[in-house]
Amino acid sequence: MALVLTRDQILGHRRRVSALDARLPAGSTSLEAAAWAGLQDSMPRAALLSLHARVEGLAPNSWEDPALSQVWGPRFAVYVVAARDRALFTVSRYPGDARGRQVAEDIAARMREFMGDKKMRFDDVAAGAIVGHPNSMRYATATGIVAIRWDGARQPHVWLVPRPAISPQDARRAAANRYLHVFGPSTSTAFAGWLGISPAQARATFDELTAAGELLGVSTPMGEALILASDEASFRARPGRPAAARLLPSGDTFTLLKGADRELLVPDAGQRAALWTPRVWPGALLINGEVAGTWRRDQHRLNISAWRHLSPAEVRAVESEADSLPLPGLTRPMAVTWKD
């Protein structure tokens, strides 16, 4: 009989493994742990705020720690990952079809011929390497040789690194392990959508993990799904005491969900529409482990829309969290505005 998991068990596990109940101590090891499944950085410095929600003692430049690296990761979005894990978020997406492989290899070859060992601006490489539309360059990232640095204000810089030795199959298995640890319970279909690979590639990867005895079938409020067998104890454990408040940025791992997973995290349909908007998502206000509103920032001004009445202690916890955000370039204290 499949293990039956409740909403509280699932969200408790996800918060626990994402260090959202209690921050990790300052240091490179904690930064790597916080980026276990990658941290989306498509919104300028979103990854920094995701790190801040999980690790103590962050500074505005902590995202540049040598333990971390930026890549064009899942779905070609900008991600911050552990530097040693670069291949898991790039080679894992190597195309399964001959045409896709040819495109990736051709663009990578043109970039290498044009760039050599130089670090160059994205638009200069796109023009000089004749890769067609500039964004076509991102296809080469699946070869594992493309490194990037994007500070959020200008075009990214691009350079080439040695090709990783790991095979695409091994990289996908490792990526699936990371995904299930942080997003589980889940399915191969959801994994394909998250990583940006074909459903057939995702199914093959999950089949390999199942054959190796690494996956466990479970029953959840979202339906039948899979978890890592090594995570069973975490799911069975009582949820930890949640943090009083966290300000999760747009696209944070905890809210980077689709379909039934969104319903699990935010049961109210109107509130789901406010968090996962058709355009740029707002940040999520997490209070005592539950999403309790949204927020947006304009320089030093933080506008928060709470979905319920907050106690004075909860308001203080949120405003303290806002004051602690390690945002670069601010010359004035953070000013919080509450909206109904």
C-alpha atoms as a PDB file:
ATOM      1  CA  MET A   1       0.000   0.000   0.000  1.00  0.00           C
ATOM      2  CA  ALA A   2       1.324   3.427  -0.977  1.00  0.00           C
ATOM      3  CA  LEU A   3       2.391   5.839   1.722  1.00  0.00           C
ATOM      4  CA  VAL A   4      -0.364   8.453   2.188  1.00  0.00           C
ATOM      5  CA  LEU A   5       0.963  11.985   2.661  1.00  0.00           C
ATOM      6  CA  THR A   6      -1.018  14.972   3.916  1.00  0.00           C
ATOM      7  CA  ARG A   7      -0.670  18.601   2.904  1.00  0.00           C
ATOM      8  CA  ASP A   8       1.067  19.406   6.186  1.00  0.00           C
ATOM      9  CA  GLN A   9       3.588  16.608   5.699  1.00  0.00           C
ATOM     10  CA  ILE A  10       4.388  17.695   2.142  1.00  0.00           C
ATOM     11  CA  LEU A  11       4.782  21.384   2.908  1.00  0.00           C
ATOM     12  CA  GLY A  12       6.638  20.602   6.123  1.00  0.00           C
ATOM     13  CA  HIS A  13       9.161  18.513   4.173  1.00  0.00           C
ATOM     14  CA  ARG A  14       9.564  21.159   1.471  1.00  0.00           C
ATOM     15  CA  ARG A  15      10.185  23.908   4.009  1.00  0.00           C
ATOM     16  CA  ARG A  16      12.595  21.712   5.955  1.00  0.00           C
ATOM     17  CA  VAL A  17      14.785  20.722   3.003  1.00  0.00           C
ATOM     18  CA  SER A  18      14.707  24.292   1.689  1.00  0.00           C
ATOM     19  CA  ALA A  19      15.844  25.731   5.056  1.00  0.00           C
ATOM     20  CA  LEU A  20      12.767  27.957   5.244  1.00  0.00           C
ATOM     21  CA  ASP A  21      11.929  27.053   8.853  1.00  0.00           C
ATOM     22  CA  ALA A  22      15.371  28.019  10.148  1.00  0.00           C
ATOM     23  CA  ARG A  23      18.221  29.688   8.303  1.00  0.00           C
ATOM     24  CA  LEU A  24      21.476  27.819   7.734  1.00  0.00           C
ATOM     25  CA  PRO A  25      24.662  29.264   9.268  1.00  0.00           C
ATOM     26  CA  ALA A  26      26.693  31.665   7.151  1.00  0.00           C
ATOM     27  CA  GLY A  27      29.230  30.104   4.808  1.00  0.00           C
ATOM     28  CA  SER A  28      29.837  28.586   1.396  1.00  0.00           C
ATOM     29  CA  THR A  29      28.574  25.153   2.414  1.00  0.00           C
ATOM     30  CA  SER A  30      25.198  26.647   3.329  1.00  0.00           C
ATOM     31  CA  LEU A  31      25.047  28.595   0.067  1.00  0.00           C
ATOM     32  CA  GLU A  32      25.557  25.361  -1.860  1.00  0.00           C
ATOM     33  CA  ALA A  33      22.862  23.628   0.180  1.00  0.00           C
ATOM     34  CA  ALA A  34      20.406  26.482  -0.416  1.00  0.00           C
ATOM     35  CA  ALA A  35      21.014  26.168  -4.168  1.00  0.00           C
ATOM     36  CA  TRP A  36      20.494  22.381  -4.163  1.00  0.00           C
ATOM     37  CA  ALA A  37      17.832  22.556  -6.887  1.00  0.00           C
ATOM     38  CA  GLY A  38      19.052  25.877  -8.271  1.00  0.00           C
ATOM     39  CA  LEU A  39      17.673  29.333  -7.551  1.00  0.00           C
ATOM     40  CA  GLN A  40      15.999  31.236 -10.344  1.00  0.00           C
ATOM     41  CA  ASP A  41      17.640  34.614 -10.991  1.00  0.00           C
ATOM     42  CA  SER A  42      15.688  35.885 -13.994  1.00  0.00           C
ATOM     43  CA  MET A  43      14.389  38.796 -11.943  1.00  0.00           C
ATOM     44  CA  PRO A  44      17.447  40.871 -10.981  1.00  0.00           C
ATOM     45  CA  ARG A  45      18.897  39.559  -7.709  1.00  0.00           C
ATOM     46  CA  ALA A  46      15.999  37.168  -7.072  1.00  0.00           C
ATOM     47  CA  ALA A  47      18.516  34.447  -6.233  1.00  0.00           C
ATOM     48  CA  LEU A  48      20.131  36.709  -3.639  1.00  0.00           C
ATOM     49  CA  LEU A  49      16.778  37.134  -1.885  1.00  0.00           C
ATOM     50  CA  SER A  50      16.130  33.389  -2.096  1.00  0.00           C
ATOM     51  CA  LEU A  51      19.516  32.815  -0.475  1.00  0.00           C
ATOM     52  CA  HIS A  52      18.700  35.397   2.204  1.00  0.00           C
ATOM     53  CA  ALA A  53      15.521  33.500   3.077  1.00  0.00           C
ATOM     54  CA  ARG A  54      17.642  30.395   3.735  1.00  0.00           C
ATOM     55  CA  VAL A  55      21.117  31.455   4.943  1.00  0.00           C
ATOM     56  CA  GLU A  56      22.345  33.738   7.713  1.00  0.00           C
ATOM     57  CA  GLY A  57      24.699  36.671   7.263  1.00  0.00           C
ATOM     58  CA  LEU A  58      24.233  37.511   3.588  1.00  0.00           C
ATOM     59  CA  ALA A  59      25.629  40.635   1.954  1.00  0.00           C
ATOM     60  CA  PRO A  60      24.570  42.283  -1.329  1.00  0.00           C
ATOM     61  CA  ASN A  61      27.393  40.476  -3.158  1.00  0.00           C
ATOM     62  CA  SER A  62      26.873  37.025  -1.620  1.00  0.00           C
ATOM     63  CA  TRP A  63      25.525  35.683  -4.902  1.00  0.00           C
ATOM     64  CA  GLU A  64      29.068  36.111  -6.272  1.00  0.00           C
ATOM     65  CA  ASP A  65      30.592  33.726  -3.716  1.00  0.00           C
ATOM     66  CA  PRO A  66      33.064  31.354  -5.471  1.00  0.00           C
ATOM     67  CA  ALA A  67      30.913  28.429  -4.326  1.00  0.00           C
ATOM     68  CA  LEU A  68      28.130  29.649  -6.622  1.00  0.00           C
ATOM     69  CA  SER A  69      27.792  30.094 -10.356  1.00  0.00           C
ATOM     70  CA  GLN A  70      25.212  31.439 -12.788  1.00  0.00           C
ATOM     71  CA  VAL A  71      23.955  29.361 -15.706  1.00  0.00           C
ATOM     72  CA  TRP A  72      21.216  29.368 -18.256  1.00  0.00           C
ATOM     73  CA  GLY A  73      19.472  26.600 -16.400  1.00  0.00           C
ATOM     74  CA  PRO A  74      16.041  24.944 -16.525  1.00  0.00           C
ATOM     75  CA  ARG A  75      13.940  26.307 -19.399  1.00  0.00           C
ATOM     76  CA  PHE A  76      16.942  28.546 -20.319  1.00  0.00           C
ATOM     77  CA  ALA A  77      16.191  30.884 -17.394  1.00  0.00           C
ATOM     78  CA  VAL A  78      19.074  32.440 -15.461  1.00  0.00           C
ATOM     79  CA  TYR A  79      19.828  30.364 -12.362  1.00  0.00           C
ATOM     80  CA  VAL A  80      22.297  30.524  -9.506  1.00  0.00           C
ATOM     81  CA  VAL A  81      23.612  27.035  -8.719  1.00  0.00           C
ATOM     82  CA  ALA A  82      26.508  25.541  -6.803  1.00  0.00           C
ATOM     83  CA  ALA A  83      29.564  25.964  -9.031  1.00  0.00           C
ATOM     84  CA  ARG A  84      30.390  22.269  -8.771  1.00  0.00           C
ATOM     85  CA  ASP A  85      26.853  21.427  -9.969  1.00  0.00           C
ATOM     86  CA  ARG A  86      26.933  23.453 -13.184  1.00  0.00           C
ATOM     87  CA  ALA A  87      26.707  20.330 -15.374  1.00  0.00           C
ATOM     88  CA  LEU A  88      23.633  19.039 -13.546  1.00  0.00           C
ATOM     89  CA  PHE A  89      21.630  22.054 -14.715  1.00  0.00           C
ATOM     90  CA  THR A  90      23.077  22.282 -18.240  1.00  0.00           C
ATOM     91  CA  VAL A  91      24.175  18.903 -19.623  1.00  0.00           C
ATOM     92  CA  SER A  92      21.010  17.367 -18.144  1.00  0.00           C
ATOM     93  CA  ARG A  93      19.079  19.299 -20.804  1.00  0.00           C
ATOM     94  CA  TYR A  94      21.099  17.979 -23.742  1.00  0.00           C
ATOM     95  CA  PRO A  95      18.526  17.320 -26.514  1.00  0.00           C
ATOM     96  CA  GLY A  96      17.313  13.802 -27.087  1.00  0.00           C
ATOM     97  CA  ASP A  97      16.674  14.329 -30.801  1.00  0.00           C
ATOM     98  CA  ALA A  98      19.289  14.515 -33.549  1.00  0.00           C
ATOM     99  CA  ARG A  99      18.199  17.935 -34.809  1.00  0.00           C
ATOM    100  CA  GLY A 100      18.272  19.461 -31.324  1.00  0.00           C
ATOM    101  CA  ARG A 101      21.740  18.040 -30.687  1.00  0.00           C
ATOM    102  CA  GLN A 102      22.988  19.406 -33.998  1.00  0.00           C
ATOM    103  CA  VAL A 103      21.691  22.899 -33.214  1.00  0.00           C
ATOM    104  CA  ALA A 104      23.330  22.898 -29.778  1.00  0.00           C
ATOM    105  CA  GLU A 105      26.650  21.639 -31.118  1.00  0.00           C
ATOM    106  CA  ASP A 106      26.698  23.983 -34.134  1.00  0.00           C
ATOM    107  CA  ILE A 107      26.098  27.074 -32.006  1.00  0.00           C
ATOM    108  CA  ALA A 108      28.678  25.934 -29.456  1.00  0.00           C
ATOM    109  CA  ALA A 109      31.231  25.433 -32.244  1.00  0.00           C
ATOM    110  CA  ARG A 110      30.569  28.893 -33.698  1.00  0.00           C
ATOM    111  CA  MET A 111      30.954  30.461 -30.270  1.00  0.00           C
ATOM    112  CA  ARG A 112      34.233  28.648 -29.657  1.00  0.00           C
ATOM    113  CA  GLU A 113      35.620  29.679 -33.037  1.00  0.00           C
ATOM    114  CA  PHE A 114      34.676  33.324 -32.458  1.00  0.00           C
ATOM    115  CA  MET A 115      35.434  33.703 -28.752  1.00  0.00           C
ATOM    116  CA  GLY A 116      38.328  31.423 -28.004  1.00  0.00           C
ATOM    117  CA  ASP A 117      39.143  31.956 -24.316  1.00  0.00           C
ATOM    118  CA  LYS A 118      37.776  35.517 -24.130  1.00  0.00           C
ATOM    119  CA  LYS A 119      34.996  36.744 -21.856  1.00  0.00           C
ATOM    120  CA  MET A 120      32.617  38.827 -23.967  1.00  0.00           C
ATOM    121  CA  ARG A 121      29.274  40.601 -23.866  1.00  0.00           C
ATOM    122  CA  PHE A 122      26.271  38.518 -24.860  1.00  0.00           C
ATOM    123  CA  ASP A 123      25.245  40.776 -27.745  1.00  0.00           C
ATOM    124  CA  ASP A 124      28.785  40.964 -29.147  1.00  0.00           C
ATOM    125  CA  VAL A 125      29.014  37.174 -29.215  1.00  0.00           C
ATOM    126  CA  ALA A 126      25.584  36.838 -30.795  1.00  0.00           C
ATOM    127  CA  ALA A 127      26.570  39.211 -33.586  1.00  0.00           C
ATOM    128  CA  GLY A 128      30.090  37.895 -34.147  1.00  0.00           C
ATOM    129  CA  ALA A 129      29.359  34.193 -33.919  1.00  0.00           C
ATOM    130  CA  ILE A 130      26.359  34.530 -36.262  1.00  0.00           C
ATOM    131  CA  VAL A 131      24.027  32.461 -34.140  1.00  0.00           C
ATOM    132  CA  GLY A 132      20.832  33.942 -35.608  1.00  0.00           C
ATOM    133  CA  HIS A 133      18.522  35.416 -33.002  1.00  0.00           C
ATOM    134  CA  PRO A 134      20.654  36.343 -29.958  1.00  0.00           C
ATOM    135  CA  ASN A 135      18.681  34.054 -27.658  1.00  0.00           C
ATOM    136  CA  SER A 136      19.616  31.111 -29.889  1.00  0.00           C
ATOM    137  CA  MET A 137      22.950  31.192 -28.083  1.00  0.00           C
ATOM    138  CA  ARG A 138      21.244  29.694 -25.056  1.00  0.00           C
ATOM    139  CA  TYR A 139      20.841  26.392 -26.899  1.00  0.00           C
ATOM    140  CA  ALA A 140      24.604  25.887 -26.615  1.00  0.00           C
ATOM    141  CA  THR A 141      24.362  25.837 -22.830  1.00  0.00           C
ATOM    142  CA  ALA A 142      23.145  22.220 -23.002  1.00  0.00           C
ATOM    143  CA  THR A 143      26.650  21.204 -24.106  1.00  0.00           C
ATOM    144  CA  GLY A 144      27.938  22.369 -20.719  1.00  0.00           C
ATOM    145  CA  ILE A 145      30.616  24.696 -22.107  1.00  0.00           C
ATOM    146  CA  VAL A 146      28.840  28.058 -21.696  1.00  0.00           C
ATOM    147  CA  ALA A 147      29.354  30.124 -18.533  1.00  0.00           C
ATOM    148  CA  ILE A 148      27.618  33.431 -17.843  1.00  0.00           C
ATOM    149  CA  ARG A 149      27.591  36.326 -15.423  1.00  0.00           C
ATOM    150  CA  TRP A 150      24.586  38.646 -15.286  1.00  0.00           C
ATOM    151  CA  ASP A 151      24.422  41.479 -12.787  1.00  0.00           C
ATOM    152  CA  GLY A 152      20.773  42.241 -13.561  1.00  0.00           C
ATOM    153  CA  ALA A 153      21.326  45.652 -15.129  1.00  0.00           C
ATOM    154  CA  ARG A 154      23.111  44.996 -18.420  1.00  0.00           C
ATOM    155  CA  GLN A 155      23.672  42.268 -20.966  1.00  0.00           C
ATOM    156  CA  PRO A 156      25.303  39.166 -19.458  1.00  0.00           C
ATOM    157  CA  HIS A 157      28.944  38.349 -20.085  1.00  0.00           C
ATOM    158  CA  VAL A 158      29.665  34.976 -21.637  1.00  0.00           C
ATOM    159  CA  TRP A 159      32.740  32.755 -21.745  1.00  0.00           C
ATOM    160  CA  LEU A 160      33.529  29.110 -22.455  1.00  0.00           C
ATOM    161  CA  VAL A 161      34.649  26.415 -20.039  1.00  0.00           C
ATOM    162  CA  PRO A 162      35.857  22.832 -20.580  1.00  0.00           C
ATOM    163  CA  ARG A 163      33.170  20.350 -21.484  1.00  0.00           C
ATOM    164  CA  PRO A 164      32.000  18.376 -18.428  1.00  0.00           C
ATOM    165  CA  ALA A 165      32.823  14.684 -18.360  1.00  0.00           C
ATOM    166  CA  ILE A 166      29.369  13.674 -17.103  1.00  0.00           C
ATOM    167  CA  SER A 167      26.957  12.095 -19.599  1.00  0.00           C
ATOM    168  CA  PRO A 168      23.523  13.643 -20.237  1.00  0.00           C
ATOM    169  CA  GLN A 169      21.857  10.550 -18.757  1.00  0.00           C
ATOM    170  CA  ASP A 170      23.862  10.734 -15.536  1.00  0.00           C
ATOM    171  CA  ALA A 171      23.294  14.494 -15.311  1.00  0.00           C
ATOM    172  CA  ARG A 172      19.522  14.021 -15.732  1.00  0.00           C
ATOM    173  CA  ARG A 173      19.421  11.395 -12.992  1.00  0.00           C
ATOM    174  CA  ALA A 174      21.275  13.747 -10.661  1.00  0.00           C
ATOM    175  CA  ALA A 175      18.971  16.632 -11.618  1.00  0.00           C
ATOM    176  CA  ALA A 176      15.915  14.449 -10.977  1.00  0.00           C
ATOM    177  CA  ASN A 177      17.291  13.594  -7.547  1.00  0.00           C
ATOM    178  CA  ARG A 178      17.714  17.302  -6.751  1.00  0.00           C
ATOM    179  CA  TYR A 179      14.254  18.074  -8.101  1.00  0.00           C
ATOM    180  CA  LEU A 180      12.464  15.363  -6.125  1.00  0.00           C
ATOM    181  CA  HIS A 181      14.254  16.253  -2.899  1.00  0.00           C
ATOM    182  CA  VAL A 182      13.076  19.874  -3.075  1.00  0.00           C
ATOM    183  CA  PHE A 183       9.805  19.653  -5.052  1.00  0.00           C
ATOM    184  CA  GLY A 184       8.623  16.153  -4.170  1.00  0.00           C
ATOM    185  CA  PRO A 185       6.250  14.423  -4.259  1.00  0.00           C
ATOM    186  CA  SER A 186       6.118  14.812  -8.019  1.00  0.00           C
ATOM    187  CA  THR A 187       5.901  13.070 -11.394  1.00  0.00           C
ATOM    188  CA  SER A 188       8.050  12.672 -14.468  1.00  0.00           C
ATOM    189  CA  THR A 189       5.708  15.022 -16.347  1.00  0.00           C
ATOM    190  CA  ALA A 190       6.266  17.797 -13.822  1.00  0.00           C
ATOM    191  CA  PHE A 191      10.016  17.133 -13.865  1.00  0.00           C
ATOM    192  CA  ALA A 192      10.056  17.510 -17.657  1.00  0.00           C
ATOM    193  CA  GLY A 193       8.294  20.860 -17.388  1.00  0.00           C
ATOM    194  CA  TRP A 194      10.629  22.102 -14.666  1.00  0.00           C
ATOM    195  CA  LEU A 195      13.884  21.129 -16.372  1.00  0.00           C
ATOM    196  CA  GLY A 196      12.719  21.874 -19.916  1.00  0.00           C
ATOM    197  CA  ILE A 197      13.266  18.443 -21.447  1.00  0.00           C
ATOM    198  CA  SER A 198      11.016  16.093 -23.387  1.00  0.00           C
ATOM    199  CA  PRO A 199       8.475  13.947 -21.526  1.00  0.00           C
ATOM    200  CA  ALA A 200      10.189  10.873 -22.978  1.00  0.00           C
ATOM    201  CA  GLN A 201      13.543  11.886 -21.484  1.00  0.00           C
ATOM    202  CA  ALA A 202      11.921  12.532 -18.124  1.00  0.00           C
ATOM    203  CA  ARG A 203      10.077   9.197 -18.132  1.00  0.00           C
ATOM    204  CA  ALA A 204      13.281   7.334 -18.996  1.00  0.00           C
ATOM    205  CA  THR A 205      15.083   9.056 -16.125  1.00  0.00           C
ATOM    206  CA  PHE A 206      12.352   8.222 -13.612  1.00  0.00           C
ATOM    207  CA  ASP A 207      12.260   4.630 -14.896  1.00  0.00           C
ATOM    208  CA  GLU A 208      16.013   4.329 -14.261  1.00  0.00           C
ATOM    209  CA  LEU A 209      15.654   5.692 -10.730  1.00  0.00           C
ATOM    210  CA  THR A 210      12.715   3.358 -10.060  1.00  0.00           C
ATOM    211  CA  ALA A 211      14.648   0.344 -11.323  1.00  0.00           C
ATOM    212  CA  ALA A 212      17.492   1.295  -8.987  1.00  0.00           C
ATOM    213  CA  GLY A 213      15.092   1.327  -6.027  1.00  0.00           C
ATOM    214  CA  GLU A 214      15.581   5.047  -5.415  1.00  0.00           C
ATOM    215  CA  LEU A 215      11.920   6.100  -5.740  1.00  0.00           C
ATOM    216  CA  LEU A 216       8.869   5.413  -3.594  1.00  0.00           C
ATOM    217  CA  GLY A 217       5.261   5.717  -4.717  1.00  0.00           C
ATOM    218  CA  VAL A 218       3.004   7.854  -2.531  1.00  0.00           C
ATOM    219  CA  SER A 219      -0.589   9.016  -2.428  1.00  0.00           C
ATOM    220  CA  THR A 220      -1.071  12.768  -2.016  1.00  0.00           C
ATOM    221  CA  PRO A 221      -3.887  15.330  -2.176  1.00  0.00           C
ATOM    222  CA  MET A 222      -2.662  16.012  -5.745  1.00  0.00           C
ATOM    223  CA  GLY A 223      -2.868  12.329  -6.748  1.00  0.00           C
ATOM    224  CA  GLU A 224      -0.337   9.528  -7.103  1.00  0.00           C
ATOM    225  CA  ALA A 225       3.265  10.673  -7.182  1.00  0.00           C
ATOM    226  CA  LEU A 226       6.837   9.721  -6.336  1.00  0.00           C
ATOM    227  CA  ILE A 227       9.375  10.725  -3.707  1.00  0.00           C
ATOM    228  CA  LEU A 228      12.973   9.781  -3.083  1.00  0.00           C
ATOM    229  CA  ALA A 229      13.054   6.695  -0.877  1.00  0.00           C
ATOM    230  CA  SER A 230      15.749   8.449   1.151  1.00  0.00           C
ATOM    231  CA  ASP A 231      13.265  11.251   1.948  1.00  0.00           C
ATOM    232  CA  GLU A 232      10.601   8.989   3.479  1.00  0.00           C
ATOM    233  CA  ALA A 233      11.696   9.748   7.030  1.00  0.00           C
ATOM    234  CA  SER A 234      11.532  13.485   6.362  1.00  0.00           C
ATOM    235  CA  PHE A 235       7.980  13.218   5.067  1.00  0.00           C
ATOM    236  CA  ARG A 236       6.943  11.095   8.039  1.00  0.00           C
ATOM    237  CA  ALA A 237       8.511  13.486  10.557  1.00  0.00           C
ATOM    238  CA  ARG A 238       6.384  16.080  12.296  1.00  0.00           C
ATOM    239  CA  PRO A 239       6.626  19.444  10.526  1.00  0.00           C
ATOM    240  CA  GLY A 240       9.154  21.737  12.175  1.00  0.00           C
ATOM    241  CA  ARG A 241       8.320  25.022  13.800  1.00  0.00           C
ATOM    242  CA  PRO A 242       7.993  27.468  10.880  1.00  0.00           C
ATOM    243  CA  ALA A 243       9.786  30.780  10.683  1.00  0.00           C
ATOM    244  CA  ALA A 244       7.752  33.813  11.721  1.00  0.00           C
ATOM    245  CA  ALA A 245       8.201  35.520   8.347  1.00  0.00           C
ATOM    246  CA  ARG A 246      10.027  35.196   5.056  1.00  0.00           C
ATOM    247  CA  LEU A 247       9.890  37.392   1.942  1.00  0.00           C
ATOM    248  CA  LEU A 248      10.304  35.023  -0.996  1.00  0.00           C
ATOM    249  CA  PRO A 249      11.122  36.659  -4.338  1.00  0.00           C
ATOM    250  CA  SER A 250       9.346  36.141  -7.636  1.00  0.00           C
ATOM    251  CA  GLY A 251      10.132  32.654  -8.921  1.00  0.00           C
ATOM    252  CA  ASP A 252      11.469  31.339  -5.606  1.00  0.00           C
ATOM    253  CA  THR A 253      11.804  27.554  -5.494  1.00  0.00           C
ATOM    254  CA  PHE A 254       9.050  27.247  -2.876  1.00  0.00           C
ATOM    255  CA  THR A 255       6.482  28.835  -5.221  1.00  0.00           C
ATOM    256  CA  LEU A 256       7.877  27.680  -8.583  1.00  0.00           C
ATOM    257  CA  LEU A 257       4.927  25.354  -9.077  1.00  0.00           C
ATOM    258  CA  LYS A 258       2.228  24.442 -11.567  1.00  0.00           C
ATOM    259  CA  GLY A 259      -1.204  22.834 -11.559  1.00  0.00           C
ATOM    260  CA  ALA A 260      -2.227  20.859  -8.492  1.00  0.00           C
ATOM    261  CA  ASP A 261       0.950  21.849  -6.652  1.00  0.00           C
ATOM    262  CA  ARG A 262      -0.262  25.446  -6.687  1.00  0.00           C
ATOM    263  CA  GLU A 263      -3.607  24.348  -5.283  1.00  0.00           C
ATOM    264  CA  LEU A 264      -1.806  22.498  -2.499  1.00  0.00           C
ATOM    265  CA  LEU A 265       0.273  25.514  -1.511  1.00  0.00           C
ATOM    266  CA  VAL A 266      -2.497  28.112  -1.925  1.00  0.00           C
ATOM    267  CA  PRO A 267      -5.961  26.490  -1.673  1.00  0.00           C
ATOM    268  CA  ASP A 268      -7.919  29.705  -2.397  1.00  0.00           C
ATOM    269  CA  ALA A 269      -8.372  30.288  -6.157  1.00  0.00           C
ATOM    270  CA  GLY A 270      -8.432  34.074  -5.871  1.00  0.00           C
ATOM    271  CA  GLN A 271      -5.222  34.106  -3.883  1.00  0.00           C
ATOM    272  CA  ARG A 272      -3.573  31.787  -6.419  1.00  0.00           C
ATOM    273  CA  ALA A 273      -4.478  34.263  -9.152  1.00  0.00           C
ATOM    274  CA  ALA A 274      -2.841  37.059  -7.156  1.00  0.00           C
ATOM    275  CA  LEU A 275       0.403  35.103  -6.681  1.00  0.00           C
ATOM    276  CA  TRP A 276       0.768  33.418 -10.068  1.00  0.00           C
ATOM    277  CA  THR A 277      -0.200  36.275 -12.357  1.00  0.00           C
ATOM    278  CA  PRO A 278      -0.182  36.149 -16.181  1.00  0.00           C
ATOM    279  CA  ARG A 279       2.813  38.499 -16.240  1.00  0.00           C
ATOM    280  CA  VAL A 280       5.645  39.021 -13.749  1.00  0.00           C
ATOM    281  CA  TRP A 281       4.853  37.251 -10.513  1.00  0.00           C
ATOM    282  CA  PRO A 282       5.048  39.184  -7.252  1.00  0.00           C
ATOM    283  CA  GLY A 283       7.034  37.859  -4.325  1.00  0.00           C
ATOM    284  CA  ALA A 284       5.330  35.634  -1.756  1.00  0.00           C
ATOM    285  CA  LEU A 285       4.817  36.633   1.869  1.00  0.00           C
ATOM    286  CA  LEU A 286       5.414  33.542   4.013  1.00  0.00           C
ATOM    287  CA  ILE A 287       4.112  33.778   7.593  1.00  0.00           C
ATOM    288  CA  ASN A 288       4.411  30.829   9.966  1.00  0.00           C
ATOM    289  CA  GLY A 289       4.969  28.517   7.010  1.00  0.00           C
ATOM    290  CA  GLU A 290       1.937  29.580   4.966  1.00  0.00           C
ATOM    291  CA  VAL A 291       1.721  31.962   2.022  1.00  0.00           C
ATOM    292  CA  ALA A 292      -0.228  34.883   3.464  1.00  0.00           C
ATOM    293  CA  GLY A 293       0.125  37.562   0.797  1.00  0.00           C
ATOM    294  CA  THR A 294       2.257  39.053  -1.936  1.00  0.00           C
ATOM    295  CA  TRP A 295       4.822  41.829  -2.199  1.00  0.00           C
ATOM    296  CA  ARG A 296       6.533  43.993  -4.770  1.00  0.00           C
ATOM    297  CA  ARG A 297       9.475  46.359  -4.384  1.00  0.00           C
ATOM    298  CA  ASP A 298      10.443  49.647  -6.008  1.00  0.00           C
ATOM    299  CA  GLN A 299      13.903  50.621  -4.746  1.00  0.00           C
ATOM    300  CA  HIS A 300      13.490  51.180  -0.978  1.00  0.00           C
ATOM    301  CA  ARG A 301       9.695  50.944  -1.076  1.00  0.00           C
ATOM    302  CA  LEU A 302       8.170  47.554  -0.281  1.00  0.00           C
ATOM    303  CA  ASN A 303       4.452  47.197  -0.945  1.00  0.00           C
ATOM    304  CA  ILE A 304       2.810  44.238   0.792  1.00  0.00           C
ATOM    305  CA  SER A 305      -0.699  42.896   0.195  1.00  0.00           C
ATOM    306  CA  ALA A 306      -1.713  40.610   3.068  1.00  0.00           C
ATOM    307  CA  TRP A 307      -4.501  38.096   2.534  1.00  0.00           C
ATOM    308  CA  ARG A 308      -5.646  38.125   6.146  1.00  0.00           C
ATOM    309  CA  HIS A 309      -5.440  40.282   9.240  1.00  0.00           C
ATOM    310  CA  LEU A 310      -1.978  40.090  10.768  1.00  0.00           C
ATOM    311  CA  SER A 311      -1.284  40.352  14.451  1.00  0.00           C
ATOM    312  CA  PRO A 312       1.043  43.108  15.698  1.00  0.00           C
ATOM    313  CA  ALA A 313       3.743  40.455  16.261  1.00  0.00           C
ATOM    314  CA  GLU A 314       3.372  39.192  12.691  1.00  0.00           C
ATOM    315  CA  VAL A 315       3.606  42.731  11.302  1.00  0.00           C
ATOM    316  CA  ARG A 316       6.788  43.320  13.301  1.00  0.00           C
ATOM    317  CA  ALA A 317       8.263  40.041  12.050  1.00  0.00           C
ATOM    318  CA  VAL A 318       7.574  40.956   8.420  1.00  0.00           C
ATOM    319  CA  GLU A 319       8.953  44.479   8.780  1.00  0.00           C
ATOM    320  CA  SER A 320      12.064  43.122  10.494  1.00  0.00           C
ATOM    321  CA  GLU A 321      12.531  40.737   7.588  1.00  0.00           C
ATOM    322  CA  ALA A 322      12.151  43.638   5.153  1.00  0.00           C
ATOM    323  CA  ASP A 323      14.787  45.654   7.019  1.00  0.00           C
ATOM    324  CA  SER A 324      17.228  42.753   6.757  1.00  0.00           C
ATOM    325  CA  LEU A 325      17.043  42.317   2.962  1.00  0.00           C
ATOM    326  CA  PRO A 326      20.635  42.527   1.626  1.00  0.00           C
ATOM    327  CA  LEU A 327      19.749  44.652  -1.378  1.00  0.00           C
ATOM    328  CA  PRO A 328      22.537  46.413  -3.286  1.00  0.00           C
ATOM    329  CA  GLY A 329      22.509  50.119  -3.990  1.00  0.00           C
ATOM    330  CA  LEU A 330      19.932  51.215  -1.418  1.00  0.00           C
ATOM    331  CA  THR A 331      20.635  54.633   0.105  1.00  0.00           C
ATOM    332  CA  ARG A 332      17.526  54.840   2.285  1.00  0.00           C
ATOM    333  CA  PRO A 333      15.950  52.509   4.872  1.00  0.00           C
ATOM    334  CA  MET A 334      13.296  50.117   3.616  1.00  0.00           C
ATOM    335  CA  ALA A 335       9.808  51.631   3.807  1.00  0.00           C
ATOM    336  CA  VAL A 336       6.978  49.103   4.084  1.00  0.00           C
ATOM    337  CA  THR A 337       3.500  49.977   2.848  1.00  0.00           C
ATOM    338  CA  TRP A 338       0.634  47.644   3.673  1.00  0.00           C
ATOM    339  CA  LYS A 339      -2.198  47.275   1.172  1.00  0.00           C
ATOM    340  CA  ASP A 340      -5.579  45.656   1.633  1.00  0.00           C
END
